[in-house]
Amino acid sequence: MNKRGQETRKHIKKCACSLFAEKGFKEVTMKDICEVAKLSRGGLYCHYESTRQVFQEIVDDMTREQDNEIDLRIERMGLTDMNLMK
């Protein structure tokens, strides 16, 4: 995916995340995301098939960020996998 596509997906996720927080997952529609993200339905469906897919990618991103933060903190503490196993 090119940089523009990546930026569009990032924008969609940011808009959708706000909607999910405000309305709850079950109440958000693809139409809602289109309106907030200022995209046509075709533009949105080019990137995502459903609200579930958008939500899942947001969760995956958050999980990855948490994993990276944990790894960084462990590294800063000077711990290794071997030390953690003891």
PDB file of N, CA and C in Angstrom:
ATOM      1  N   MET A   1       0.837  -1.178   0.000  1.00  0.00           N
ATOM      2  CA  MET A   1       0.000   0.000   0.000  1.00  0.00           C
ATOM      3  C   MET A   1       0.881   1.241   0.000  1.00  0.00           C
ATOM      4  N   ASN A   2       0.503   2.211  -0.813  1.00  0.00           N
ATOM      5  CA  ASN A   2       1.306   3.427  -0.897  1.00  0.00           C
ATOM      6  C   ASN A   2       1.053   4.330   0.311  1.00  0.00           C
ATOM      7  N   LYS A   3       1.853   5.376   0.398  1.00  0.00           N
ATOM      8  CA  LYS A   3       1.783   6.275   1.552  1.00  0.00           C
ATOM      9  C   LYS A   3       0.416   6.942   1.673  1.00  0.00           C
ATOM     10  N   ARG A   4      -0.162   7.330   0.553  1.00  0.00           N
ATOM     11  CA  ARG A   4      -1.472   7.981   0.583  1.00  0.00           C
ATOM     12  C   ARG A   4      -2.534   7.026   1.139  1.00  0.00           C
ATOM     13  N   GLY A   5      -2.474   5.774   0.706  1.00  0.00           N
ATOM     14  CA  GLY A   5      -3.395   4.765   1.215  1.00  0.00           C
ATOM     15  C   GLY A   5      -3.231   4.540   2.707  1.00  0.00           C
ATOM     16  N   GLN A   6      -1.990   4.522   3.153  1.00  0.00           N
ATOM     17  CA  GLN A   6      -1.716   4.349   4.579  1.00  0.00           C
ATOM     18  C   GLN A   6      -2.262   5.527   5.384  1.00  0.00           C
ATOM     19  N   GLU A   7      -2.078   6.732   4.853  1.00  0.00           N
ATOM     20  CA  GLU A   7      -2.584   7.933   5.535  1.00  0.00           C
ATOM     21  C   GLU A   7      -4.113   7.928   5.580  1.00  0.00           C
ATOM     22  N   THR A   8      -4.734   7.480   4.504  1.00  0.00           N
ATOM     23  CA  THR A   8      -6.201   7.404   4.473  1.00  0.00           C
ATOM     24  C   THR A   8      -6.704   6.419   5.512  1.00  0.00           C
ATOM     25  N   ARG A   9      -6.069   5.254   5.596  1.00  0.00           N
ATOM     26  CA  ARG A   9      -6.470   4.261   6.595  1.00  0.00           C
ATOM     27  C   ARG A   9      -6.286   4.800   8.009  1.00  0.00           C
ATOM     28  N   LYS A  10      -5.208   5.504   8.231  1.00  0.00           N
ATOM     29  CA  LYS A  10      -4.952   6.095   9.542  1.00  0.00           C
ATOM     30  C   LYS A  10      -6.059   7.102   9.887  1.00  0.00           C
ATOM     31  N   HIS A  11      -6.446   7.929   8.907  1.00  0.00           N
ATOM     32  CA  HIS A  11      -7.507   8.915   9.099  1.00  0.00           C
ATOM     33  C   HIS A  11      -8.839   8.211   9.398  1.00  0.00           C
ATOM     34  N   ILE A  12      -9.138   7.176   8.664  1.00  0.00           N
ATOM     35  CA  ILE A  12     -10.376   6.415   8.877  1.00  0.00           C
ATOM     36  C   ILE A  12     -10.401   5.856  10.297  1.00  0.00           C
ATOM     37  N   LYS A  13      -9.301   5.253  10.723  1.00  0.00           N
ATOM     38  CA  LYS A  13      -9.245   4.655  12.061  1.00  0.00           C
ATOM     39  C   LYS A  13      -9.400   5.705  13.154  1.00  0.00           C
ATOM     40  N   LYS A  14      -8.802   6.865  12.947  1.00  0.00           N
ATOM     41  CA  LYS A  14      -8.916   7.937  13.937  1.00  0.00           C
ATOM     42  C   LYS A  14     -10.371   8.383  14.068  1.00  0.00           C
ATOM     43  N   CYS A  15     -11.026   8.580  12.932  1.00  0.00           N
ATOM     44  CA  CYS A  15     -12.431   8.990  12.939  1.00  0.00           C
ATOM     45  C   CYS A  15     -13.314   7.903  13.540  1.00  0.00           C
ATOM     46  N   ALA A  16     -13.081   6.675  13.133  1.00  0.00           N
ATOM     47  CA  ALA A  16     -13.882   5.558  13.632  1.00  0.00           C
ATOM     48  C   ALA A  16     -13.684   5.359  15.130  1.00  0.00           C
ATOM     49  N   CYS A  17     -12.480   5.529  15.598  1.00  0.00           N
ATOM     50  CA  CYS A  17     -12.191   5.356  17.026  1.00  0.00           C
ATOM     51  C   CYS A  17     -13.019   6.345  17.844  1.00  0.00           C
ATOM     52  N   SER A  18     -13.110   7.572  17.387  1.00  0.00           N
ATOM     53  CA  SER A  18     -13.922   8.578  18.073  1.00  0.00           C
ATOM     54  C   SER A  18     -15.390   8.168  18.085  1.00  0.00           C
ATOM     55  N   LEU A  19     -15.858   7.680  16.957  1.00  0.00           N
ATOM     56  CA  LEU A  19     -17.254   7.229  16.881  1.00  0.00           C
ATOM     57  C   LEU A  19     -17.522   6.047  17.796  1.00  0.00           C
ATOM     58  N   PHE A  20     -16.620   5.073  17.809  1.00  0.00           N
ATOM     59  CA  PHE A  20     -16.800   3.898  18.671  1.00  0.00           C
ATOM     60  C   PHE A  20     -16.835   4.325  20.141  1.00  0.00           C
ATOM     61  N   ALA A  21     -15.983   5.259  20.503  1.00  0.00           N
ATOM     62  CA  ALA A  21     -15.949   5.732  21.890  1.00  0.00           C
ATOM     63  C   ALA A  21     -17.234   6.483  22.244  1.00  0.00           C
ATOM     64  N   GLU A  22     -17.743   7.236  21.302  1.00  0.00           N
ATOM     65  CA  GLU A  22     -18.935   8.052  21.534  1.00  0.00           C
ATOM     66  C   GLU A  22     -20.226   7.228  21.521  1.00  0.00           C
ATOM     67  N   LYS A  23     -20.368   6.355  20.524  1.00  0.00           N
ATOM     68  CA  LYS A  23     -21.637   5.671  20.301  1.00  0.00           C
ATOM     69  C   LYS A  23     -21.641   4.197  20.701  1.00  0.00           C
ATOM     70  N   GLY A  24     -20.452   3.610  20.813  1.00  0.00           N
ATOM     71  CA  GLY A  24     -20.360   2.175  21.046  1.00  0.00           C
ATOM     72  C   GLY A  24     -20.270   1.439  19.723  1.00  0.00           C
ATOM     73  N   PHE A  25     -19.569   0.324  19.722  1.00  0.00           N
ATOM     74  CA  PHE A  25     -19.299  -0.417  18.487  1.00  0.00           C
ATOM     75  C   PHE A  25     -20.573  -0.761  17.720  1.00  0.00           C
ATOM     76  N   LYS A  26     -21.577  -1.286  18.406  1.00  0.00           N
ATOM     77  CA  LYS A  26     -22.781  -1.772  17.732  1.00  0.00           C
ATOM     78  C   LYS A  26     -23.590  -0.664  17.062  1.00  0.00           C
ATOM     79  N   GLU A  27     -23.413   0.561  17.494  1.00  0.00           N
ATOM     80  CA  GLU A  27     -24.209   1.664  16.949  1.00  0.00           C
ATOM     81  C   GLU A  27     -23.541   2.379  15.778  1.00  0.00           C
ATOM     82  N   VAL A  28     -22.282   2.082  15.512  1.00  0.00           N
ATOM     83  CA  VAL A  28     -21.547   2.771  14.440  1.00  0.00           C
ATOM     84  C   VAL A  28     -21.753   2.031  13.120  1.00  0.00           C
ATOM     85  N   THR A  29     -22.070   2.792  12.090  1.00  0.00           N
ATOM     86  CA  THR A  29     -22.249   2.216  10.751  1.00  0.00           C
ATOM     87  C   THR A  29     -21.139   2.716   9.829  1.00  0.00           C
ATOM     88  N   MET A  30     -21.004   2.048   8.712  1.00  0.00           N
ATOM     89  CA  MET A  30     -20.036   2.509   7.713  1.00  0.00           C
ATOM     90  C   MET A  30     -20.420   3.906   7.230  1.00  0.00           C
ATOM     91  N   LYS A  31     -21.716   4.181   7.147  1.00  0.00           N
ATOM     92  CA  LYS A  31     -22.182   5.512   6.744  1.00  0.00           C
ATOM     93  C   LYS A  31     -21.700   6.566   7.739  1.00  0.00           C
ATOM     94  N   ASP A  32     -21.770   6.253   9.036  1.00  0.00           N
ATOM     95  CA  ASP A  32     -21.283   7.181  10.066  1.00  0.00           C
ATOM     96  C   ASP A  32     -19.801   7.490   9.848  1.00  0.00           C
ATOM     97  N   ILE A  33     -19.040   6.443   9.603  1.00  0.00           N
ATOM     98  CA  ILE A  33     -17.592   6.622   9.405  1.00  0.00           C
ATOM     99  C   ILE A  33     -17.342   7.469   8.161  1.00  0.00           C
ATOM    100  N   CYS A  34     -18.078   7.217   7.091  1.00  0.00           N
ATOM    101  CA  CYS A  34     -17.941   8.013   5.863  1.00  0.00           C
ATOM    102  C   CYS A  34     -18.172   9.486   6.141  1.00  0.00           C
ATOM    103  N   GLU A  35     -19.231   9.779   6.880  1.00  0.00           N
ATOM    104  CA  GLU A  35     -19.572  11.176   7.166  1.00  0.00           C
ATOM    105  C   GLU A  35     -18.497  11.878   7.974  1.00  0.00           C
ATOM    106  N   VAL A  36     -18.025  11.225   9.024  1.00  0.00           N
ATOM    107  CA  VAL A  36     -17.011  11.843   9.884  1.00  0.00           C
ATOM    108  C   VAL A  36     -15.666  11.949   9.170  1.00  0.00           C
ATOM    109  N   ALA A  37     -15.316  10.917   8.414  1.00  0.00           N
ATOM    110  CA  ALA A  37     -14.031  10.906   7.706  1.00  0.00           C
ATOM    111  C   ALA A  37     -14.076  11.708   6.402  1.00  0.00           C
ATOM    112  N   LYS A  38     -15.290  12.135   6.026  1.00  0.00           N
ATOM    113  CA  LYS A  38     -15.486  12.886   4.783  1.00  0.00           C
ATOM    114  C   LYS A  38     -14.997  12.093   3.563  1.00  0.00           C
ATOM    115  N   LEU A  39     -15.455  10.836   3.520  1.00  0.00           N
ATOM    116  CA  LEU A  39     -15.135   9.934   2.413  1.00  0.00           C
ATOM    117  C   LEU A  39     -16.421   9.434   1.783  1.00  0.00           C
ATOM    118  N   SER A  40     -16.342   9.100   0.518  1.00  0.00           N
ATOM    119  CA  SER A  40     -17.467   8.437  -0.125  1.00  0.00           C
ATOM    120  C   SER A  40     -17.520   6.998   0.384  1.00  0.00           C
ATOM    121  N   ARG A  41     -18.671   6.362   0.193  1.00  0.00           N
ATOM    122  CA  ARG A  41     -18.772   4.958   0.601  1.00  0.00           C
ATOM    123  C   ARG A  41     -17.767   4.109  -0.166  1.00  0.00           C
ATOM    124  N   GLY A  42     -17.618   4.390  -1.466  1.00  0.00           N
ATOM    125  CA  GLY A  42     -16.652   3.644  -2.268  1.00  0.00           C
ATOM    126  C   GLY A  42     -15.240   3.827  -1.746  1.00  0.00           C
ATOM    127  N   GLY A  43     -14.918   5.052  -1.335  1.00  0.00           N
ATOM    128  CA  GLY A  43     -13.595   5.330  -0.779  1.00  0.00           C
ATOM    129  C   GLY A  43     -13.335   4.553   0.492  1.00  0.00           C
ATOM    130  N   LEU A  44     -14.356   4.466   1.346  1.00  0.00           N
ATOM    131  CA  LEU A  44     -14.210   3.718   2.600  1.00  0.00           C
ATOM    132  C   LEU A  44     -14.119   2.219   2.335  1.00  0.00           C
ATOM    133  N   TYR A  45     -15.026   1.722   1.482  1.00  0.00           N
ATOM    134  CA  TYR A  45     -15.036   0.280   1.197  1.00  0.00           C
ATOM    135  C   TYR A  45     -13.806  -0.168   0.422  1.00  0.00           C
ATOM    136  N   CYS A  46     -13.108   0.749  -0.177  1.00  0.00           N
ATOM    137  CA  CYS A  46     -11.834   0.426  -0.834  1.00  0.00           C
ATOM    138  C   CYS A  46     -10.797  -0.028   0.206  1.00  0.00           C
ATOM    139  N   HIS A  47     -10.944   0.488   1.429  1.00  0.00           N
ATOM    140  CA  HIS A  47      -9.985   0.193   2.499  1.00  0.00           C
ATOM    141  C   HIS A  47     -10.491  -0.838   3.500  1.00  0.00           C
ATOM    142  N   TYR A  48     -11.797  -0.832   3.775  1.00  0.00           N
ATOM    143  CA  TYR A  48     -12.368  -1.722   4.792  1.00  0.00           C
ATOM    144  C   TYR A  48     -13.691  -2.297   4.316  1.00  0.00           C
ATOM    145  N   GLU A  49     -13.945  -3.541   4.687  1.00  0.00           N
ATOM    146  CA  GLU A  49     -15.186  -4.211   4.297  1.00  0.00           C
ATOM    147  C   GLU A  49     -16.325  -3.977   5.283  1.00  0.00           C
ATOM    148  N   SER A  50     -15.984  -3.668   6.541  1.00  0.00           N
ATOM    149  CA  SER A  50     -17.016  -3.559   7.575  1.00  0.00           C
ATOM    150  C   SER A  50     -16.508  -2.762   8.771  1.00  0.00           C
ATOM    151  N   THR A  51     -17.449  -2.367   9.630  1.00  0.00           N
ATOM    152  CA  THR A  51     -17.053  -1.694  10.873  1.00  0.00           C
ATOM    153  C   THR A  51     -16.241  -2.653  11.740  1.00  0.00           C
ATOM    154  N   ARG A  52     -16.579  -3.932  11.676  1.00  0.00           N
ATOM    155  CA  ARG A  52     -15.836  -4.933  12.451  1.00  0.00           C
ATOM    156  C   ARG A  52     -14.359  -4.954  12.046  1.00  0.00           C
ATOM    157  N   GLN A  53     -14.103  -4.863  10.748  1.00  0.00           N
ATOM    158  CA  GLN A  53     -12.725  -4.873  10.269  1.00  0.00           C
ATOM    159  C   GLN A  53     -11.980  -3.620  10.727  1.00  0.00           C
ATOM    160  N   VAL A  54     -12.645  -2.469  10.681  1.00  0.00           N
ATOM    161  CA  VAL A  54     -12.023  -1.220  11.154  1.00  0.00           C
ATOM    162  C   VAL A  54     -11.710  -1.353  12.643  1.00  0.00           C
ATOM    163  N   PHE A  55     -12.702  -1.803  13.409  1.00  0.00           N
ATOM    164  CA  PHE A  55     -12.534  -1.954  14.850  1.00  0.00           C
ATOM    165  C   PHE A  55     -11.403  -2.917  15.177  1.00  0.00           C
ATOM    166  N   GLN A  56     -11.355  -4.051  14.477  1.00  0.00           N
ATOM    167  CA  GLN A  56     -10.316  -5.048  14.725  1.00  0.00           C
ATOM    168  C   GLN A  56      -8.932  -4.478  14.459  1.00  0.00           C
ATOM    169  N   GLU A  57      -8.806  -3.672  13.408  1.00  0.00           N
ATOM    170  CA  GLU A  57      -7.494  -3.082  13.117  1.00  0.00           C
ATOM    171  C   GLU A  57      -7.096  -2.064  14.182  1.00  0.00           C
ATOM    172  N   ILE A  58      -8.070  -1.326  14.708  1.00  0.00           N
ATOM    173  CA  ILE A  58      -7.788  -0.383  15.800  1.00  0.00           C
ATOM    174  C   ILE A  58      -7.290  -1.159  17.022  1.00  0.00           C
ATOM    175  N   VAL A  59      -7.980  -2.242  17.364  1.00  0.00           N
ATOM    176  CA  VAL A  59      -7.577  -3.071  18.510  1.00  0.00           C
ATOM    177  C   VAL A  59      -6.185  -3.660  18.277  1.00  0.00           C
ATOM    178  N   ASP A  60      -5.936  -4.163  17.075  1.00  0.00           N
ATOM    179  CA  ASP A  60      -4.615  -4.723  16.750  1.00  0.00           C
ATOM    180  C   ASP A  60      -3.521  -3.670  16.896  1.00  0.00           C
ATOM    181  N   ASP A  61      -3.792  -2.463  16.423  1.00  0.00           N
ATOM    182  CA  ASP A  61      -2.813  -1.376  16.547  1.00  0.00           C
ATOM    183  C   ASP A  61      -2.529  -1.061  18.016  1.00  0.00           C
ATOM    184  N   MET A  62      -3.583  -0.990  18.818  1.00  0.00           N
ATOM    185  CA  MET A  62      -3.411  -0.685  20.250  1.00  0.00           C
ATOM    186  C   MET A  62      -2.629  -1.793  20.956  1.00  0.00           C
ATOM    187  N   THR A  63      -2.919  -3.027  20.605  1.00  0.00           N
ATOM    188  CA  THR A  63      -2.211  -4.165  21.201  1.00  0.00           C
ATOM    189  C   THR A  63      -0.730  -4.124  20.834  1.00  0.00           C
ATOM    190  N   ARG A  64      -0.459  -3.832  19.565  1.00  0.00           N
ATOM    191  CA  ARG A  64       0.927  -3.746  19.112  1.00  0.00           C
ATOM    192  C   ARG A  64       1.663  -2.621  19.843  1.00  0.00           C
ATOM    193  N   GLU A  65       1.004  -1.476  20.022  1.00  0.00           N
ATOM    194  CA  GLU A  65       1.620  -0.358  20.743  1.00  0.00           C
ATOM    195  C   GLU A  65       1.924  -0.743  22.189  1.00  0.00           C
ATOM    196  N   GLN A  66       0.986  -1.440  22.834  1.00  0.00           N
ATOM    197  CA  GLN A  66       1.209  -1.890  24.206  1.00  0.00           C
ATOM    198  C   GLN A  66       2.374  -2.872  24.286  1.00  0.00           C
ATOM    199  N   ASP A  67       2.417  -3.813  23.362  1.00  0.00           N
ATOM    200  CA  ASP A  67       3.525  -4.778  23.327  1.00  0.00           C
ATOM    201  C   ASP A  67       4.862  -4.070  23.164  1.00  0.00           C
ATOM    202  N   ASN A  68       4.911  -3.090  22.276  1.00  0.00           N
ATOM    203  CA  ASN A  68       6.149  -2.334  22.060  1.00  0.00           C
ATOM    204  C   ASN A  68       6.550  -1.569  23.310  1.00  0.00           C
ATOM    205  N   GLU A  69       5.577  -0.984  23.999  1.00  0.00           N
ATOM    206  CA  GLU A  69       5.862  -0.240  25.226  1.00  0.00           C
ATOM    207  C   GLU A  69       6.396  -1.174  26.313  1.00  0.00           C
ATOM    208  N   ILE A  70       5.796  -2.332  26.435  1.00  0.00           N
ATOM    209  CA  ILE A  70       6.264  -3.307  27.431  1.00  0.00           C
ATOM    210  C   ILE A  70       7.684  -3.745  27.108  1.00  0.00           C
ATOM    211  N   ASP A  71       7.946  -4.054  25.840  1.00  0.00           N
ATOM    212  CA  ASP A  71       9.299  -4.461  25.428  1.00  0.00           C
ATOM    213  C   ASP A  71      10.315  -3.368  25.732  1.00  0.00           C
ATOM    214  N   LEU A  72       9.954  -2.129  25.476  1.00  0.00           N
ATOM    215  CA  LEU A  72      10.850  -0.998  25.732  1.00  0.00           C
ATOM    216  C   LEU A  72      11.149  -0.871  27.224  1.00  0.00           C
ATOM    217  N   ARG A  73      10.135  -0.995  28.041  1.00  0.00           N
ATOM    218  CA  ARG A  73      10.341  -0.880  29.492  1.00  0.00           C
ATOM    219  C   ARG A  73      11.195  -2.019  30.025  1.00  0.00           C
ATOM    220  N   ILE A  74      10.972  -3.218  29.508  1.00  0.00           N
ATOM    221  CA  ILE A  74      11.789  -4.363  29.920  1.00  0.00           C
ATOM    222  C   ILE A  74      13.242  -4.130  29.524  1.00  0.00           C
ATOM    223  N   GLU A  75      13.455  -3.637  28.323  1.00  0.00           N
ATOM    224  CA  GLU A  75      14.806  -3.354  27.848  1.00  0.00           C
ATOM    225  C   GLU A  75      15.479  -2.290  28.714  1.00  0.00           C
ATOM    226  N   ARG A  76      14.746  -1.242  29.063  1.00  0.00           N
ATOM    227  CA  ARG A  76      15.300  -0.162  29.898  1.00  0.00           C
ATOM    228  C   ARG A  76      15.692  -0.670  31.279  1.00  0.00           C
ATOM    229  N   MET A  77      14.969  -1.666  31.764  1.00  0.00           N
ATOM    230  CA  MET A  77      15.269  -2.234  33.071  1.00  0.00           C
ATOM    231  C   MET A  77      16.437  -3.208  33.009  1.00  0.00           C
ATOM    232  N   GLY A  78      16.913  -3.485  31.796  1.00  0.00           N
ATOM    233  CA  GLY A  78      18.043  -4.393  31.630  1.00  0.00           C
ATOM    234  C   GLY A  78      17.678  -5.848  31.753  1.00  0.00           C
ATOM    235  N   LEU A  79      16.405  -6.135  31.621  1.00  0.00           N
ATOM    236  CA  LEU A  79      15.965  -7.526  31.723  1.00  0.00           C
ATOM    237  C   LEU A  79      16.031  -8.180  30.363  1.00  0.00           C
ATOM    238  N   THR A  80      16.276  -9.461  30.369  1.00  0.00           N
ATOM    239  CA  THR A  80      16.298 -10.247  29.140  1.00  0.00           C
ATOM    240  C   THR A  80      15.288 -11.367  29.277  1.00  0.00           C
ATOM    241  N   ASP A  81      15.041 -12.069  28.192  1.00  0.00           N
ATOM    242  CA  ASP A  81      14.137 -13.210  28.239  1.00  0.00           C
ATOM    243  C   ASP A  81      14.615 -14.235  29.252  1.00  0.00           C
ATOM    244  N   MET A  82      15.912 -14.435  29.325  1.00  0.00           N
ATOM    245  CA  MET A  82      16.471 -15.426  30.250  1.00  0.00           C
ATOM    246  C   MET A  82      16.233 -14.987  31.687  1.00  0.00           C
ATOM    247  N   ASN A  83      16.398 -13.702  31.994  1.00  0.00           N
ATOM    248  CA  ASN A  83      16.162 -13.207  33.355  1.00  0.00           C
ATOM    249  C   ASN A  83      14.690 -13.356  33.730  1.00  0.00           C
ATOM    250  N   LEU A  84      13.805 -13.157  32.782  1.00  0.00           N
ATOM    251  CA  LEU A  84      12.389 -13.257  33.070  1.00  0.00           C
ATOM    252  C   LEU A  84      11.953 -14.690  33.336  1.00  0.00           C
ATOM    253  N   MET A  85      12.691 -15.648  32.819  1.00  0.00           N
ATOM    254  CA  MET A  85      12.336 -17.057  32.984  1.00  0.00           C
ATOM    255  C   MET A  85      12.779 -17.608  34.324  1.00  0.00           C
ATOM    256  N   LYS A  86      13.661 -16.921  35.012  1.00  0.00           N
ATOM    257  CA  LYS A  86      14.179 -17.420  36.311  1.00  0.00           C
ATOM    258  C   LYS A  86      13.140 -17.294  37.392  1.00  0.00           C
TER     259      LYS A  86
END
